[in-house]
Amino acid sequence: MYGNAPQPLPYGPAKQKNPTDEVKKRKLFVGAIGGMTEHAFYSYFNNFGPVEDYLVFRDQHTGEPKGYGFIVFKDMETVQKVVA
C-alpha cells in the first residue's frame, strides 16, 4: 500500500481535527484522486517539496480509497508551488 513512501504519522497533522493555525496553512484537502494509493499520493506531492504528513481516506469496510485526502507540507514555499 505505501510502496517506498514513508507511512503517514499515526497521530500526525493530517489527522488532527483541531490543528494549529500554522499547520492549517500548510494542510491541503485534495479531492478527485480516484483510487490513488498512499504511495502514489505521497510520491506525486513529494515532487513539489518535502511532505510532513498525509492521509488518503479509505472505506472502513472494503479498504478501498474513497477518492480524497489531506497533505501537509513542511513549509509554505511548497504549498505555494502546489497551489500556483
N, C-alpha and C. Protein backbone atom coordinates (compact mmCIF):
# COMPACT_ATOMS: atom_id res chain seq x y z
N MET A 1 0.82 -1.18 0.00
CA MET A 1 0.00 0.00 0.00
C MET A 1 0.87 1.26 0.00
N TYR A 2 1.90 1.31 0.83
CA TYR A 2 2.73 2.51 0.93
C TYR A 2 3.90 2.49 -0.04
N GLY A 3 4.22 1.34 -0.64
CA GLY A 3 5.36 1.26 -1.53
C GLY A 3 6.60 1.73 -0.80
N ASN A 4 7.40 2.58 -1.43
CA ASN A 4 8.58 3.09 -0.75
C ASN A 4 8.32 4.47 -0.14
N ALA A 5 7.06 4.87 -0.06
CA ALA A 5 6.69 6.12 0.62
C ALA A 5 6.69 5.86 2.12
N PRO A 6 7.12 6.82 2.93
CA PRO A 6 7.05 6.61 4.38
C PRO A 6 5.60 6.53 4.82
N GLN A 7 5.35 5.73 5.84
CA GLN A 7 4.00 5.63 6.37
C GLN A 7 3.61 6.97 6.98
N PRO A 8 2.33 7.36 6.84
CA PRO A 8 1.89 8.59 7.47
C PRO A 8 2.05 8.49 8.99
N LEU A 9 2.18 9.63 9.64
CA LEU A 9 2.32 9.65 11.09
C LEU A 9 1.01 9.20 11.73
N PRO A 10 1.07 8.31 12.73
CA PRO A 10 -0.17 7.79 13.32
C PRO A 10 -1.09 8.87 13.87
N TYR A 11 -0.53 9.89 14.47
CA TYR A 11 -1.34 10.98 15.03
C TYR A 11 -0.83 12.32 14.50
N GLY A 12 -0.38 12.32 13.27
CA GLY A 12 0.23 13.49 12.67
C GLY A 12 -0.77 14.57 12.31
N PRO A 13 -0.25 15.68 11.78
CA PRO A 13 -1.08 16.84 11.47
C PRO A 13 -2.16 16.60 10.43
N ALA A 14 -2.00 15.60 9.58
CA ALA A 14 -3.03 15.33 8.57
C ALA A 14 -4.30 14.78 9.23
N LYS A 15 -4.17 14.22 10.42
CA LYS A 15 -5.30 13.60 11.10
C LYS A 15 -5.89 14.46 12.22
N GLN A 16 -5.22 15.55 12.58
CA GLN A 16 -5.68 16.39 13.68
C GLN A 16 -6.97 17.11 13.32
N LYS A 17 -7.93 17.03 14.22
CA LYS A 17 -9.20 17.71 13.97
C LYS A 17 -9.11 19.19 14.28
N ASN A 18 -8.19 19.59 15.15
CA ASN A 18 -8.02 21.00 15.51
C ASN A 18 -6.54 21.38 15.41
N PRO A 19 -5.99 21.41 14.19
CA PRO A 19 -4.56 21.74 14.06
C PRO A 19 -4.31 23.21 14.40
N THR A 20 -3.06 23.50 14.69
CA THR A 20 -2.68 24.89 14.96
C THR A 20 -2.87 25.72 13.69
N ASP A 21 -2.92 27.03 13.85
CA ASP A 21 -3.06 27.92 12.69
C ASP A 21 -1.91 27.72 11.71
N GLU A 22 -0.71 27.50 12.24
CA GLU A 22 0.46 27.31 11.40
C GLU A 22 0.30 26.04 10.55
N VAL A 23 -0.18 24.97 11.14
CA VAL A 23 -0.39 23.72 10.39
C VAL A 23 -1.52 23.89 9.38
N LYS A 24 -2.58 24.60 9.75
CA LYS A 24 -3.70 24.83 8.83
C LYS A 24 -3.23 25.46 7.52
N LYS A 25 -2.24 26.33 7.59
CA LYS A 25 -1.73 27.00 6.40
C LYS A 25 -0.97 26.04 5.49
N ARG A 26 -0.43 24.97 6.05
CA ARG A 26 0.36 24.02 5.27
C ARG A 26 -0.41 22.75 4.91
N LYS A 27 -1.68 22.67 5.34
CA LYS A 27 -2.51 21.48 5.13
C LYS A 27 -3.49 21.73 4.00
N LEU A 28 -3.51 20.84 3.02
CA LEU A 28 -4.40 20.99 1.87
C LEU A 28 -5.31 19.77 1.74
N PHE A 29 -6.58 20.03 1.45
CA PHE A 29 -7.51 18.97 1.09
C PHE A 29 -7.30 18.68 -0.39
N VAL A 30 -7.25 17.40 -0.74
CA VAL A 30 -7.09 17.01 -2.14
C VAL A 30 -8.24 16.07 -2.49
N GLY A 31 -9.06 16.50 -3.44
CA GLY A 31 -10.19 15.68 -3.87
C GLY A 31 -9.97 15.11 -5.25
N ALA A 32 -10.88 14.27 -5.66
CA ALA A 32 -10.88 13.67 -7.01
C ALA A 32 -9.59 12.91 -7.31
N ILE A 33 -9.11 12.12 -6.32
CA ILE A 33 -7.90 11.34 -6.57
C ILE A 33 -8.22 9.90 -6.96
N GLY A 34 -9.49 9.60 -7.08
CA GLY A 34 -9.89 8.26 -7.51
C GLY A 34 -9.35 7.19 -6.59
N GLY A 35 -8.81 6.14 -7.17
CA GLY A 35 -8.28 5.02 -6.40
C GLY A 35 -6.79 5.14 -6.12
N MET A 36 -6.26 6.35 -6.10
CA MET A 36 -4.84 6.58 -5.89
C MET A 36 -4.39 5.96 -4.56
N THR A 37 -3.28 5.23 -4.59
CA THR A 37 -2.75 4.63 -3.37
C THR A 37 -1.99 5.67 -2.55
N GLU A 38 -1.70 5.33 -1.32
CA GLU A 38 -0.92 6.21 -0.47
C GLU A 38 0.45 6.48 -1.10
N HIS A 39 1.05 5.46 -1.66
CA HIS A 39 2.36 5.62 -2.30
C HIS A 39 2.30 6.63 -3.45
N ALA A 40 1.32 6.49 -4.31
CA ALA A 40 1.18 7.39 -5.45
C ALA A 40 0.87 8.81 -4.99
N PHE A 41 0.01 8.94 -3.99
CA PHE A 41 -0.37 10.24 -3.43
C PHE A 41 0.86 10.95 -2.87
N TYR A 42 1.59 10.25 -2.01
CA TYR A 42 2.81 10.81 -1.42
C TYR A 42 3.84 11.16 -2.49
N SER A 43 4.08 10.24 -3.40
CA SER A 43 5.10 10.43 -4.43
C SER A 43 4.79 11.64 -5.31
N TYR A 44 3.54 11.80 -5.69
CA TYR A 44 3.15 12.93 -6.53
C TYR A 44 3.46 14.25 -5.82
N PHE A 45 2.98 14.39 -4.60
CA PHE A 45 3.15 15.67 -3.90
C PHE A 45 4.56 15.89 -3.40
N ASN A 46 5.30 14.83 -3.15
CA ASN A 46 6.69 14.98 -2.72
C ASN A 46 7.55 15.57 -3.84
N ASN A 47 7.09 15.49 -5.08
CA ASN A 47 7.81 16.11 -6.20
C ASN A 47 7.84 17.63 -6.08
N PHE A 48 6.87 18.22 -5.38
CA PHE A 48 6.82 19.67 -5.20
C PHE A 48 7.72 20.15 -4.08
N GLY A 49 7.92 19.29 -3.08
CA GLY A 49 8.73 19.65 -1.92
C GLY A 49 8.45 18.69 -0.78
N PRO A 50 9.12 18.91 0.37
CA PRO A 50 9.01 17.96 1.48
C PRO A 50 7.60 17.88 2.08
N VAL A 51 7.16 16.64 2.27
CA VAL A 51 5.85 16.34 2.85
C VAL A 51 6.05 15.97 4.32
N GLU A 52 5.29 16.60 5.20
CA GLU A 52 5.35 16.27 6.62
C GLU A 52 4.45 15.10 6.96
N ASP A 53 3.25 15.09 6.40
CA ASP A 53 2.28 14.04 6.70
C ASP A 53 1.23 14.02 5.60
N TYR A 54 0.50 12.92 5.51
CA TYR A 54 -0.54 12.79 4.50
C TYR A 54 -1.55 11.74 4.95
N LEU A 55 -2.71 11.78 4.34
CA LEU A 55 -3.77 10.83 4.67
C LEU A 55 -4.66 10.63 3.45
N VAL A 56 -4.81 9.40 3.03
CA VAL A 56 -5.76 9.04 1.98
C VAL A 56 -6.89 8.30 2.70
N PHE A 57 -8.10 8.81 2.56
CA PHE A 57 -9.24 8.19 3.24
C PHE A 57 -9.63 6.89 2.53
N ARG A 58 -9.95 5.88 3.34
CA ARG A 58 -10.36 4.57 2.82
C ARG A 58 -11.69 4.17 3.44
N ASP A 59 -12.46 3.42 2.69
CA ASP A 59 -13.71 2.86 3.19
C ASP A 59 -13.38 1.88 4.31
N GLN A 60 -14.02 2.03 5.45
CA GLN A 60 -13.70 1.17 6.59
C GLN A 60 -14.12 -0.28 6.40
N HIS A 61 -15.02 -0.55 5.49
CA HIS A 61 -15.47 -1.92 5.27
C HIS A 61 -14.72 -2.61 4.14
N THR A 62 -14.45 -1.89 3.06
CA THR A 62 -13.80 -2.51 1.91
C THR A 62 -12.30 -2.24 1.83
N GLY A 63 -11.86 -1.17 2.48
CA GLY A 63 -10.45 -0.79 2.41
C GLY A 63 -10.09 -0.05 1.14
N GLU A 64 -11.06 0.18 0.28
CA GLU A 64 -10.80 0.89 -0.98
C GLU A 64 -10.68 2.39 -0.73
N PRO A 65 -9.81 3.07 -1.49
CA PRO A 65 -9.69 4.53 -1.34
C PRO A 65 -11.02 5.22 -1.65
N LYS A 66 -11.34 6.25 -0.88
CA LYS A 66 -12.58 7.00 -1.08
C LYS A 66 -12.43 8.10 -2.13
N GLY A 67 -11.21 8.41 -2.53
CA GLY A 67 -11.01 9.41 -3.58
C GLY A 67 -10.64 10.80 -3.09
N TYR A 68 -10.26 10.93 -1.81
CA TYR A 68 -9.83 12.22 -1.30
C TYR A 68 -8.86 12.02 -0.13
N GLY A 69 -8.17 13.09 0.22
CA GLY A 69 -7.22 13.01 1.32
C GLY A 69 -6.71 14.37 1.74
N PHE A 70 -5.74 14.36 2.63
CA PHE A 70 -5.07 15.57 3.09
C PHE A 70 -3.58 15.41 2.93
N ILE A 71 -2.91 16.51 2.65
CA ILE A 71 -1.45 16.54 2.55
C ILE A 71 -0.97 17.73 3.38
N VAL A 72 0.07 17.51 4.19
CA VAL A 72 0.65 18.58 4.99
C VAL A 72 2.11 18.71 4.57
N PHE A 73 2.46 19.89 4.10
CA PHE A 73 3.83 20.13 3.67
C PHE A 73 4.65 20.70 4.83
N LYS A 74 5.97 20.55 4.74
CA LYS A 74 6.85 21.03 5.80
C LYS A 74 7.04 22.54 5.77
N ASP A 75 6.78 23.18 4.64
CA ASP A 75 7.00 24.63 4.55
C ASP A 75 5.98 25.28 3.61
N MET A 76 5.81 26.57 3.78
CA MET A 76 4.85 27.33 2.97
C MET A 76 5.30 27.49 1.53
N GLU A 77 6.60 27.46 1.27
CA GLU A 77 7.09 27.60 -0.10
C GLU A 77 6.54 26.46 -0.97
N THR A 78 6.50 25.26 -0.41
CA THR A 78 5.97 24.12 -1.15
C THR A 78 4.48 24.27 -1.40
N VAL A 79 3.75 24.74 -0.41
CA VAL A 79 2.31 24.96 -0.58
C VAL A 79 2.08 25.94 -1.72
N GLN A 80 2.86 27.00 -1.76
CA GLN A 80 2.70 27.99 -2.84
C GLN A 80 2.96 27.39 -4.21
N LYS A 81 3.92 26.48 -4.31
CA LYS A 81 4.19 25.80 -5.60
C LYS A 81 2.99 24.97 -6.03
N VAL A 82 2.39 24.28 -5.08
CA VAL A 82 1.29 23.37 -5.38
C VAL A 82 0.05 24.13 -5.83
N VAL A 83 -0.26 25.22 -5.16
CA VAL A 83 -1.50 25.95 -5.46
C VAL A 83 -1.33 26.97 -6.57
N ALA A 84 -0.11 27.19 -7.03
CA ALA A 84 0.12 28.17 -8.10
C ALA A 84 -0.37 27.67 -9.44
